[in-house]
N, C-alpha and C. Protein backbone atom coordinates (compact mmCIF):
# COMPACT_ATOMS: atom_id res chain seq x y z
N UNK A 1 62.41 -12.21 47.36
CA UNK A 1 61.31 -11.84 46.53
C UNK A 1 60.55 -12.76 45.90
N UNK A 2 59.37 -13.05 45.55
CA UNK A 2 59.09 -13.64 44.47
C UNK A 2 58.10 -12.79 43.57
N UNK A 3 58.26 -12.58 42.36
CA UNK A 3 57.44 -11.90 41.03
C UNK A 3 56.21 -11.91 41.78
N UNK A 4 55.10 -11.40 41.04
CA UNK A 4 53.35 -11.48 41.10
C UNK A 4 53.48 -12.04 39.33
N UNK A 5 54.48 -11.13 38.70
CA UNK A 5 53.79 -11.11 37.52
C UNK A 5 54.21 -12.27 36.62
N UNK A 6 53.50 -12.58 35.81
CA UNK A 6 53.82 -14.30 34.88
C UNK A 6 55.01 -13.77 34.10
N UNK A 7 55.97 -14.62 33.80
CA UNK A 7 57.07 -14.26 32.72
C UNK A 7 56.72 -14.51 31.24
N UNK A 8 55.04 -15.05 30.98
CA UNK A 8 55.01 -14.89 29.67
C UNK A 8 53.45 -15.26 29.70
N UNK A 9 52.73 -14.38 28.13
CA UNK A 9 51.33 -14.82 28.69
C UNK A 9 50.91 -16.11 28.50
N UNK A 10 51.46 -17.02 27.78
CA UNK A 10 51.12 -18.36 27.47
C UNK A 10 51.28 -19.05 28.39
N UNK A 11 52.01 -18.62 29.20
CA UNK A 11 51.65 -19.38 30.88
C UNK A 11 50.47 -18.74 32.05
N UNK A 12 49.62 -17.34 31.47
CA UNK A 12 48.16 -17.81 32.33
C UNK A 12 47.32 -17.84 31.11
N UNK A 13 47.49 -17.91 30.08
CA UNK A 13 46.18 -17.97 28.92
C UNK A 13 45.63 -19.52 29.02
N UNK A 14 44.14 -19.38 29.07
CA UNK A 14 43.47 -20.78 28.99
C UNK A 14 42.68 -20.74 28.00
N UNK A 15 42.72 -21.74 27.09
CA UNK A 15 41.78 -22.16 26.14
C UNK A 15 40.76 -22.07 26.44
N UNK A 16 39.65 -21.53 25.26
CA UNK A 16 38.45 -21.67 25.66
C UNK A 16 37.37 -22.93 25.91
N UNK A 17 36.54 -23.13 26.86
CA UNK A 17 36.13 -24.47 26.98
C UNK A 17 35.25 -24.89 25.88
N UNK A 18 34.62 -26.07 25.55
CA UNK A 18 34.27 -26.53 24.94
C UNK A 18 32.73 -26.07 24.61
N UNK A 19 32.23 -25.82 25.75
CA UNK A 19 30.96 -25.08 25.78
C UNK A 19 31.06 -23.55 25.40
N UNK A 20 32.09 -22.80 25.64
CA UNK A 20 32.49 -21.33 25.20
C UNK A 20 32.02 -21.25 23.91
N UNK A 21 33.02 -22.48 23.34
CA UNK A 21 33.52 -22.76 21.93
C UNK A 21 32.48 -22.89 21.27
N UNK A 22 30.91 -23.77 21.51
CA UNK A 22 29.85 -24.00 20.94
C UNK A 22 28.88 -22.88 20.81
N UNK A 23 28.87 -21.72 22.25
CA UNK A 23 28.37 -20.65 22.36
C UNK A 23 28.63 -19.93 21.33
N UNK A 24 29.59 -19.38 20.82
CA UNK A 24 30.47 -18.71 19.99
C UNK A 24 29.72 -19.14 18.38
N UNK A 25 29.86 -20.48 18.08
CA UNK A 25 29.84 -21.11 17.00
C UNK A 25 28.39 -21.03 16.65
N UNK A 26 27.66 -21.40 17.80
CA UNK A 26 26.10 -21.51 17.33
C UNK A 26 25.49 -19.70 17.27
N UNK A 27 26.33 -19.01 18.18
CA UNK A 27 25.57 -17.51 18.13
C UNK A 27 25.97 -17.15 16.48
N UNK A 28 27.05 -17.16 16.25
CA UNK A 28 27.72 -16.67 14.88
C UNK A 28 26.86 -17.22 13.67
N UNK A 29 26.76 -18.58 13.72
CA UNK A 29 25.70 -19.40 12.91
C UNK A 29 24.17 -18.57 12.80
N UNK A 30 23.54 -18.33 13.86
CA UNK A 30 22.29 -17.90 14.33
C UNK A 30 22.44 -16.53 13.71
N UNK A 31 23.35 -15.95 13.97
CA UNK A 31 23.54 -14.37 13.30
C UNK A 31 23.98 -14.21 11.87
N UNK A 32 24.82 -14.98 11.11
CA UNK A 32 24.65 -15.06 9.68
C UNK A 32 23.02 -15.62 8.97
N UNK A 33 22.83 -16.37 9.72
CA UNK A 33 21.05 -16.70 9.28
C UNK A 33 20.14 -15.54 9.20
N UNK A 34 19.88 -14.69 10.61
CA UNK A 34 19.35 -13.81 10.45
C UNK A 34 19.93 -12.70 9.66
N UNK A 35 21.15 -12.35 9.46
CA UNK A 35 21.44 -11.55 8.13
C UNK A 35 20.81 -11.76 6.67
N UNK A 36 20.72 -12.98 6.76
CA UNK A 36 20.34 -13.66 5.84
C UNK A 36 18.84 -12.89 5.72
N UNK A 37 18.10 -13.45 6.30
CA UNK A 37 16.82 -12.69 6.52
C UNK A 37 16.39 -11.63 6.52
N UNK A 38 17.36 -10.60 7.01
CA UNK A 38 17.04 -9.15 7.42
C UNK A 38 17.13 -8.83 5.71
N UNK A 39 18.50 -9.46 5.03
CA UNK A 39 18.57 -8.88 3.43
C UNK A 39 17.53 -9.13 3.01
N UNK A 40 16.68 -10.30 2.94
CA UNK A 40 16.16 -11.07 1.65
C UNK A 40 14.52 -10.07 1.93
N UNK A 41 14.52 -9.76 3.42
CA UNK A 41 13.22 -8.70 4.07
C UNK A 41 13.76 -7.22 2.92
N UNK A 42 14.44 -6.65 3.10
CA UNK A 42 15.13 -5.37 2.78
C UNK A 42 15.04 -5.44 1.22
N UNK A 43 15.23 -6.54 0.44
CA UNK A 43 15.37 -6.37 -0.89
C UNK A 43 14.04 -7.00 -1.68
N UNK A 44 12.98 -7.67 -0.67
CA UNK A 44 11.86 -7.21 -1.03
C UNK A 44 10.90 -5.90 -0.63
N UNK A 45 11.06 -5.41 -0.04
CA UNK A 45 10.45 -4.06 0.30
C UNK A 45 10.87 -2.84 -0.82
N UNK A 46 12.33 -2.97 -0.97
CA UNK A 46 12.58 -2.03 -2.06
C UNK A 46 12.84 -2.47 -3.73
N UNK A 47 12.19 -1.13 -4.55
CA UNK A 47 11.75 -1.80 -5.50
C UNK A 47 13.29 -1.92 -6.49
N UNK A 48 13.64 -2.92 -7.45
CA UNK A 48 14.56 -3.33 -8.33
C UNK A 48 14.72 -1.97 -9.09
N UNK A 49 15.50 -1.81 -9.89
CA UNK A 49 16.12 -0.92 -10.67
C UNK A 49 15.64 -1.64 -11.93
N UNK A 50 14.92 -0.73 -12.81
CA UNK A 50 14.25 -1.19 -14.18
C UNK A 50 13.23 -2.24 -14.09
N UNK A 51 12.66 -2.22 -13.13
CA UNK A 51 11.40 -2.61 -12.87
C UNK A 51 10.30 -1.67 -12.72
N UNK A 52 9.20 -2.23 -12.79
CA UNK A 52 8.10 -1.84 -12.98
C UNK A 52 6.99 -2.11 -13.95
N UNK A 53 5.90 -0.92 -13.56
CA UNK A 53 4.85 -1.64 -14.62
C UNK A 53 4.78 -1.50 -16.05
N UNK A 54 4.18 -2.65 -16.53
CA UNK A 54 4.49 -2.11 -18.10
C UNK A 54 3.11 -2.10 -18.32
N UNK A 55 2.62 -0.81 -19.25
CA UNK A 55 1.29 -0.29 -19.85
C UNK A 55 0.38 -1.20 -19.78
N UNK A 56 -0.80 -1.47 -19.67
CA UNK A 56 -1.48 -2.75 -19.81
C UNK A 56 -2.71 -2.01 -20.65
N UNK A 57 -3.06 -2.71 -21.88
CA UNK A 57 -4.74 -2.17 -22.24
C UNK A 57 -5.78 -2.65 -21.72
N UNK A 58 -6.27 -2.23 -20.86
CA UNK A 58 -7.79 -2.96 -19.93
C UNK A 58 -9.00 -2.85 -21.48
N UNK A 59 -9.16 -1.79 -22.33
CA UNK A 59 -10.11 -2.19 -23.51
C UNK A 59 -10.49 -0.65 -23.83
N UNK A 60 -11.54 -0.49 -25.09
CA UNK A 60 -11.69 0.44 -25.37
C UNK A 60 -12.92 1.45 -25.25
N UNK A 61 -12.30 2.86 -24.73
CA UNK A 61 -13.67 3.45 -24.45
C UNK A 61 -14.81 3.44 -25.36
N UNK A 62 -16.17 3.75 -24.79
CA UNK A 62 -17.14 3.85 -25.69
C UNK A 62 -17.73 4.81 -25.27
N UNK A 63 -19.24 5.31 -25.46
CA UNK A 63 -19.97 6.29 -25.11
C UNK A 63 -20.89 5.38 -24.12
N UNK A 64 -21.09 4.07 -23.83
CA UNK A 64 -21.38 3.58 -22.78
C UNK A 64 -20.55 3.17 -21.58
N UNK A 65 -19.55 2.87 -21.92
CA UNK A 65 -18.21 2.50 -21.09
C UNK A 65 -16.73 2.03 -21.47
N UNK A 66 -16.38 0.88 -21.20
CA UNK A 66 -15.23 0.21 -21.60
C UNK A 66 -15.46 -1.35 -22.00
N UNK A 67 -14.81 -1.47 -23.29
CA UNK A 67 -15.64 -2.83 -23.91
C UNK A 67 -14.30 -3.47 -24.09
N UNK A 68 -14.29 -4.67 -24.12
CA UNK A 68 -13.00 -5.65 -24.53
C UNK A 68 -12.84 -6.90 -24.04
N UNK A 69 -12.17 -7.84 -23.85
CA UNK A 69 -11.51 -8.79 -24.01
C UNK A 69 -11.92 -9.40 -22.43
N UNK A 70 -12.69 -9.74 -22.15
CA UNK A 70 -13.45 -10.80 -20.88
C UNK A 70 -14.09 -9.23 -20.12
N UNK A 71 -14.11 -8.29 -20.46
CA UNK A 71 -14.90 -7.26 -19.72
C UNK A 71 -16.10 -7.72 -19.69
N UNK A 72 -16.69 -7.42 -18.81
CA UNK A 72 -18.71 -7.69 -18.91
C UNK A 72 -19.21 -6.22 -18.27
N UNK A 73 -20.47 -6.42 -19.17
CA UNK A 73 -21.25 -5.02 -19.03
C UNK A 73 -21.30 -4.67 -17.87
N UNK A 74 -21.74 -5.38 -16.66
CA UNK A 74 -21.48 -4.74 -15.18
C UNK A 74 -20.20 -4.05 -14.87
N UNK A 75 -19.21 -4.28 -15.33
CA UNK A 75 -17.71 -3.59 -14.87
C UNK A 75 -17.58 -2.84 -15.80
N UNK A 76 -17.55 -2.98 -16.92
CA UNK A 76 -17.28 -2.13 -18.01
C UNK A 76 -18.46 -0.70 -18.43
N UNK A 77 -19.62 -1.05 -18.24
CA UNK A 77 -20.45 0.11 -18.58
C UNK A 77 -20.55 1.18 -17.10
N UNK A 78 -20.49 2.41 -17.78
CA UNK A 78 -20.29 3.62 -17.12
C UNK A 78 -21.54 3.54 -15.75
N UNK A 79 -21.75 3.75 -14.90
CA UNK A 79 -22.45 4.10 -13.70
C UNK A 79 -22.61 5.04 -13.19
N UNK A 80 -22.83 6.32 -13.49
CA UNK A 80 -22.99 7.69 -12.86
C UNK A 80 -21.20 8.42 -13.14
N UNK A 81 -20.85 7.79 -14.55
CA UNK A 81 -19.52 8.11 -14.81
C UNK A 81 -18.63 7.30 -14.36
N UNK A 82 -18.99 6.17 -13.50
CA UNK A 82 -17.54 5.34 -13.47
C UNK A 82 -17.83 3.86 -13.88
N UNK A 83 -16.46 3.44 -14.27
CA UNK A 83 -16.80 2.27 -15.05
C UNK A 83 -15.54 1.39 -14.24
N UNK A 84 -15.70 0.08 -13.77
CA UNK A 84 -14.79 -0.83 -13.23
C UNK A 84 -15.79 -1.81 -12.08
N UNK A 85 -14.43 -2.02 -11.08
CA UNK A 85 -13.20 -2.24 -11.40
C UNK A 85 -12.34 -3.17 -12.23
N UNK A 86 -11.46 -2.65 -13.21
CA UNK A 86 -10.77 -3.52 -13.72
C UNK A 86 -9.21 -3.87 -13.00
N UNK A 87 -8.93 -4.58 -13.40
CA UNK A 87 -8.16 -5.58 -12.77
C UNK A 87 -6.24 -5.60 -13.39
N UNK A 88 -5.50 -5.25 -13.18
CA UNK A 88 -3.92 -5.03 -14.12
C UNK A 88 -3.12 -5.38 -12.83
N UNK A 89 -1.95 -5.83 -13.75
CA UNK A 89 -0.42 -5.61 -12.76
C UNK A 89 0.07 -4.02 -12.41
N UNK A 90 -0.03 -3.85 -11.25
CA UNK A 90 -0.08 -2.07 -11.38
C UNK A 90 1.57 -1.82 -10.88
N UNK A 91 2.45 -2.86 -10.33
CA UNK A 91 4.03 -2.87 -10.16
C UNK A 91 4.60 -3.54 -11.01
N UNK A 92 4.31 -4.33 -11.75
CA UNK A 92 5.25 -5.19 -12.62
C UNK A 92 5.87 -6.25 -11.91
N UNK A 93 5.34 -6.61 -10.53
CA UNK A 93 5.80 -7.66 -9.87
C UNK A 93 4.55 -8.78 -9.56
N UNK A 94 3.72 -8.67 -10.64
CA UNK A 94 2.46 -9.75 -10.13
C UNK A 94 1.18 -9.24 -9.53
N UNK A 95 1.50 -8.00 -8.93
CA UNK A 95 0.49 -7.68 -7.88
C UNK A 95 -0.50 -7.09 -8.81
N UNK A 96 -1.73 -7.88 -8.47
CA UNK A 96 -3.26 -7.20 -9.15
C UNK A 96 -3.70 -6.17 -8.40
N UNK A 97 -4.13 -5.54 -9.30
CA UNK A 97 -4.66 -4.05 -8.78
C UNK A 97 -6.09 -4.00 -9.30
N UNK A 98 -7.11 -3.59 -8.39
CA UNK A 98 -8.16 -2.57 -9.31
C UNK A 98 -8.34 -1.59 -9.19
N UNK A 99 -8.66 -1.14 -9.96
CA UNK A 99 -8.88 0.36 -10.68
C UNK A 99 -10.43 0.69 -11.22
N UNK A 100 -10.37 2.05 -10.88
CA UNK A 100 -11.73 2.56 -11.79
C UNK A 100 -11.45 3.47 -12.77
N UNK A 101 -12.55 3.45 -13.55
CA UNK A 101 -12.18 4.77 -15.00
C UNK A 101 -13.24 5.61 -14.25
N UNK A 102 -12.82 6.85 -14.00
CA UNK A 102 -13.84 7.91 -13.38
C UNK A 102 -14.19 9.26 -14.54
N UNK A 103 -14.99 9.54 -15.52
CA UNK A 103 -15.14 10.16 -16.16
C UNK A 103 -15.73 11.75 -15.80
N UNK A 104 -14.70 12.94 -15.17
CA UNK A 104 -14.87 14.37 -14.77
C UNK A 104 -15.67 15.23 -15.38
N UNK A 105 -15.08 14.90 -16.80
CA UNK A 105 -15.99 15.86 -17.51
C UNK A 105 -15.87 15.50 -19.22
N UNK A 106 -16.28 16.36 -19.99
CA UNK A 106 -16.65 16.01 -21.53
C UNK A 106 -17.84 14.81 -21.97
N UNK A 107 -17.64 15.00 -22.83
CA UNK A 107 -19.20 13.82 -23.26
C UNK A 107 -19.05 12.69 -23.30
N UNK A 108 -19.70 11.98 -23.43
CA UNK A 108 -19.96 10.46 -22.63
C UNK A 108 -19.17 9.59 -23.97
N UNK A 109 -17.99 8.79 -23.46
CA UNK A 109 -17.02 8.08 -24.83
C UNK A 109 -16.32 9.15 -25.38
N UNK A 110 -15.54 9.91 -24.70
CA UNK A 110 -14.43 10.96 -25.07
C UNK A 110 -13.41 10.04 -25.07
N UNK A 111 -12.72 10.77 -25.58
CA UNK A 111 -11.32 9.71 -25.70
C UNK A 111 -10.05 10.83 -25.26
N UNK A 112 -10.19 11.40 -24.64
CA UNK A 112 -9.34 12.81 -24.28
C UNK A 112 -8.96 12.20 -23.01
N UNK A 113 -7.75 12.14 -22.44
CA UNK A 113 -7.48 11.24 -21.36
C UNK A 113 -7.64 12.93 -20.17
N UNK A 114 -7.73 14.06 -20.73
CA UNK A 114 -7.97 14.54 -19.80
C UNK A 114 -9.31 14.77 -18.99
N UNK A 115 -10.02 14.35 -19.68
CA UNK A 115 -11.98 14.04 -19.39
C UNK A 115 -12.05 12.89 -18.20
N UNK A 116 -10.89 12.26 -17.66
CA UNK A 116 -11.16 11.14 -17.08
C UNK A 116 -10.06 11.20 -15.91
N UNK A 117 -10.07 10.00 -14.79
CA UNK A 117 -8.87 9.95 -13.38
C UNK A 117 -9.14 8.33 -13.49
N UNK A 118 -8.35 7.96 -12.88
CA UNK A 118 -8.25 6.61 -12.69
C UNK A 118 -7.63 6.47 -11.15
N UNK A 119 -8.83 5.94 -10.16
CA UNK A 119 -8.69 5.62 -9.00
C UNK A 119 -8.45 4.00 -8.53
N UNK A 120 -7.96 3.82 -7.43
CA UNK A 120 -7.34 3.19 -6.97
C UNK A 120 -8.57 2.07 -6.43
N UNK A 121 -8.76 0.98 -6.44
CA UNK A 121 -9.64 -0.05 -5.57
C UNK A 121 -9.54 0.31 -4.19
N UNK A 122 -8.51 0.06 -3.84
CA UNK A 122 -7.87 0.19 -2.31
C UNK A 122 -8.19 1.02 -1.70
N UNK A 123 -9.09 0.69 0.06
CA UNK A 123 -9.14 1.58 0.77
C UNK A 123 -7.62 2.30 1.31
N UNK A 124 -7.81 3.73 1.64
CA UNK A 124 -6.77 4.01 2.44
C UNK A 124 -6.26 3.78 3.75
N UNK A 125 -7.55 3.44 4.57
CA UNK A 125 -7.44 3.08 5.80
C UNK A 125 -6.44 1.59 6.30
N UNK A 126 -7.43 0.70 5.91
CA UNK A 126 -6.92 -0.95 6.02
C UNK A 126 -6.72 -1.33 4.80
N UNK A 127 -6.75 -1.27 3.58
CA UNK A 127 -6.27 -1.63 2.19
C UNK A 127 -7.86 -2.59 2.10
N UNK A 128 -8.95 -2.47 2.27
CA UNK A 128 -10.32 -3.32 1.93
C UNK A 128 -10.76 -2.54 0.17
N UNK A 129 -11.20 -3.46 -0.36
CA UNK A 129 -11.37 -3.27 -1.72
C UNK A 129 -12.74 -2.21 -1.86
N UNK A 130 -12.90 -0.97 -2.27
CA UNK A 130 -13.96 -0.35 -2.02
C UNK A 130 -15.02 -0.27 -2.87
N UNK A 131 -16.11 -0.22 -3.05
CA UNK A 131 -17.35 -0.36 -4.23
C UNK A 131 -18.01 0.60 -4.42
N UNK A 132 -18.12 1.24 -5.78
CA UNK A 132 -18.36 2.32 -6.34
C UNK A 132 -20.31 2.41 -6.42
N UNK A 133 -21.36 2.82 -5.65
CA UNK A 133 -22.43 2.78 -5.31
C UNK A 133 -23.12 3.74 -6.20
N UNK A 134 -23.26 3.92 -7.45
CA UNK A 134 -23.72 5.36 -7.88
C UNK A 134 -24.83 5.08 -8.78
N UNK A 135 -25.91 5.81 -8.69
CA UNK A 135 -26.93 6.04 -9.49
C UNK A 135 -27.35 6.90 -10.17
N UNK A 136 -27.85 7.06 -11.15
CA UNK A 136 -28.49 8.91 -11.77
C UNK A 136 -26.85 9.21 -11.91
N UNK A 137 -26.44 10.30 -11.60
CA UNK A 137 -25.66 11.41 -11.97
C UNK A 137 -24.77 11.39 -10.45
N UNK A 138 -25.06 10.67 -9.22
CA UNK A 138 -24.13 10.66 -8.16
C UNK A 138 -23.67 9.50 -7.77
N UNK A 139 -22.73 9.37 -6.50
CA UNK A 139 -22.76 8.19 -6.50
C UNK A 139 -21.20 8.29 -5.28
N UNK A 140 -21.08 7.34 -4.41
CA UNK A 140 -19.61 7.49 -3.85
C UNK A 140 -19.01 6.21 -3.85
N UNK A 141 -17.89 6.13 -3.14
CA UNK A 141 -17.02 4.82 -3.52
C UNK A 141 -17.51 4.52 -1.53
N UNK A 142 -17.39 3.35 -1.46
CA UNK A 142 -17.77 3.04 0.24
C UNK A 142 -16.93 1.95 0.42
N UNK A 143 -16.06 1.86 1.45
CA UNK A 143 -15.43 0.95 2.31
C UNK A 143 -16.40 -0.61 2.84
N UNK A 144 -16.84 -1.28 2.37
CA UNK A 144 -17.54 -2.50 3.29
C UNK A 144 -16.88 -2.64 4.83
N UNK A 145 -15.23 -2.68 4.83
CA UNK A 145 -14.64 -3.13 6.07
C UNK A 145 -15.18 -2.08 7.34
N UNK A 146 -14.77 -0.81 7.31
CA UNK A 146 -14.87 0.31 8.31
C UNK A 146 -15.83 1.58 8.13
N UNK A 147 -16.22 1.44 6.58
CA UNK A 147 -17.22 2.77 6.54
C UNK A 147 -16.71 3.89 5.85
N UNK A 148 -15.45 3.88 5.55
CA UNK A 148 -14.86 4.93 4.95
C UNK A 148 -15.57 5.22 3.58
N UNK A 149 -16.08 6.76 3.11
CA UNK A 149 -16.82 6.86 1.96
C UNK A 149 -15.93 8.17 1.35
N UNK A 150 -15.62 7.78 -0.06
CA UNK A 150 -15.08 8.42 -0.79
C UNK A 150 -16.15 9.41 -1.81
N UNK A 151 -15.94 10.45 -2.66
CA UNK A 151 -16.42 11.17 -3.48
C UNK A 151 -16.02 10.87 -4.62
N UNK A 152 -16.70 10.80 -5.80
CA UNK A 152 -16.62 10.46 -7.28
C UNK A 152 -15.12 10.57 -7.58
N UNK A 153 -14.72 11.81 -7.55
CA UNK A 153 -13.19 11.95 -7.34
C UNK A 153 -12.20 11.38 -6.12
N UNK A 154 -12.44 10.43 -5.61
CA UNK A 154 -11.37 9.76 -4.47
C UNK A 154 -11.22 10.39 -3.45
N UNK A 155 -11.81 11.68 -3.40
CA UNK A 155 -11.68 12.58 -1.50
C UNK A 155 -12.61 11.71 -0.99
N UNK A 156 -11.62 12.02 0.35
CA UNK A 156 -12.34 11.40 1.68
C UNK A 156 -13.52 12.07 2.01
N UNK A 157 -14.79 11.37 2.20
CA UNK A 157 -15.77 12.41 2.48
C UNK A 157 -16.61 12.07 4.17
N UNK A 158 -16.42 10.46 4.73
CA UNK A 158 -16.21 9.97 5.81
C UNK A 158 -15.72 8.95 6.03
N UNK A 159 -15.57 8.40 7.82
CA UNK A 159 -15.13 7.32 7.59
C UNK A 159 -13.42 7.67 8.28
N UNK A 160 -12.78 6.61 8.62
CA UNK A 160 -11.53 6.45 9.32
C UNK A 160 -10.42 6.60 7.82
N UNK A 161 -10.55 6.55 6.81
CA UNK A 161 -9.65 7.18 5.78
C UNK A 161 -8.56 7.82 6.04
N UNK A 162 -7.25 7.94 5.98
CA UNK A 162 -6.63 9.30 6.31
C UNK A 162 -6.22 10.08 4.88
N UNK A 163 -6.38 9.05 3.70
CA UNK A 163 -6.23 10.16 2.83
C UNK A 163 -7.15 9.68 1.68
N UNK A 164 -6.88 10.05 0.35
CA UNK A 164 -7.76 9.97 -1.05
C UNK A 164 -7.63 8.89 -1.03
N UNK A 165 -8.17 8.38 -2.34
CA UNK A 165 -8.26 7.02 -3.00
C UNK A 165 -6.64 7.36 -3.81
N UNK A 166 -5.72 6.48 -4.37
CA UNK A 166 -4.83 6.54 -4.84
C UNK A 166 -5.23 6.97 -6.19
N UNK A 167 -4.42 7.56 -7.05
CA UNK A 167 -4.74 7.89 -8.87
C UNK A 167 -3.54 6.63 -9.68
N UNK A 168 -3.72 6.39 -10.35
CA UNK A 168 -3.19 5.74 -11.22
C UNK A 168 -2.80 6.92 -12.92
N UNK A 169 -1.22 6.53 -13.05
CA UNK A 169 -1.32 7.13 -14.74
C UNK A 169 -2.21 6.31 -15.81
N UNK A 170 -2.41 6.75 -16.43
CA UNK A 170 -3.02 6.42 -17.64
C UNK A 170 -2.78 7.04 -19.05
N UNK A 171 -3.40 6.14 -20.04
CA UNK A 171 -3.70 7.05 -21.36
C UNK A 171 -4.62 6.80 -21.88
N UNK A 172 -4.66 7.33 -23.43
CA UNK A 172 -5.86 7.04 -24.11
C UNK A 172 -5.03 7.22 -25.33
N UNK A 173 -5.33 5.92 -25.88
CA UNK A 173 -4.37 5.98 -27.84
C UNK A 173 -5.22 6.59 -28.30
N UNK A 174 -5.20 6.70 -29.83
CA UNK A 174 -5.73 7.71 -31.05
C UNK A 174 -6.93 6.50 -31.36
N UNK A 175 -6.60 4.93 -31.15
CA UNK A 175 -7.98 4.17 -31.27
C UNK A 175 -9.26 4.24 -30.05
N UNK A 176 -8.85 5.41 -29.10
CA UNK A 176 -9.98 5.04 -27.80
C UNK A 176 -9.60 3.89 -26.79
N UNK A 177 -8.27 3.30 -26.70
CA UNK A 177 -8.01 2.01 -25.87
C UNK A 177 -7.37 2.98 -24.69
N UNK A 178 -7.44 2.27 -23.90
CA UNK A 178 -7.73 2.55 -22.33
C UNK A 178 -6.62 2.09 -21.90
N UNK A 179 -5.39 2.65 -21.42
CA UNK A 179 -4.17 2.15 -21.07
C UNK A 179 -3.55 2.69 -19.28
N UNK A 180 -3.60 1.49 -18.90
CA UNK A 180 -3.00 1.81 -17.52
C UNK A 180 -1.70 1.80 -17.31
N UNK A 181 -1.10 2.74 -16.11
CA UNK A 181 0.15 2.50 -16.49
C UNK A 181 0.85 2.54 -14.65
N UNK A 182 0.24 2.54 -13.93
CA UNK A 182 0.86 2.20 -12.93
C UNK A 182 0.64 3.10 -11.63
N UNK A 183 0.44 2.99 -10.55
CA UNK A 183 0.21 3.94 -9.63
C UNK A 183 1.11 5.47 -9.51
N UNK A 184 0.48 6.17 -9.40
CA UNK A 184 1.14 7.70 -9.27
C UNK A 184 1.79 7.70 -7.75
N UNK A 185 2.53 8.72 -7.74
CA UNK A 185 3.21 8.77 -6.23
C UNK A 185 2.38 9.72 -5.62
N UNK A 186 2.06 9.17 -4.21
CA UNK A 186 1.29 10.46 -3.66
C UNK A 186 1.96 11.24 -2.58
């Protein structure tokens, strides 16, 4: 009676064909390239340790608004207690960000940081830049793209925006200089 079991593995082993070998090599190469891209995307999205915004001196606060190098009167003057938008690097990665300085209390030209808030210019709906439309003692921030309306303190009053405007950290030094320090965590 003849045995059906092979005597040794090498008697039945068939080496892969050229086609199978090329499929394995190309799949491996494409997999490595794909992992490289995924790694680059993750590295871009995650903040790097030690990076972040550096304090930026926007200008000096006066009774009429904010003055300083390159600030025009249309941007720097308070209109119903709001000046801006002022542009600075809010992330430390070269991302220009527009912000408004909003006086919520105190006398015009106050140098107390408690009298102000700093609001992001970016609408929380889809990221369009909001504009201040204030006159007299009232006004609102309006998004021209989809109609969101925010109060003077950044709260949503109408429209599709799901959340209030972002606030930014800031300080006012002893000379009255307005210094932006980056977006606050929401």
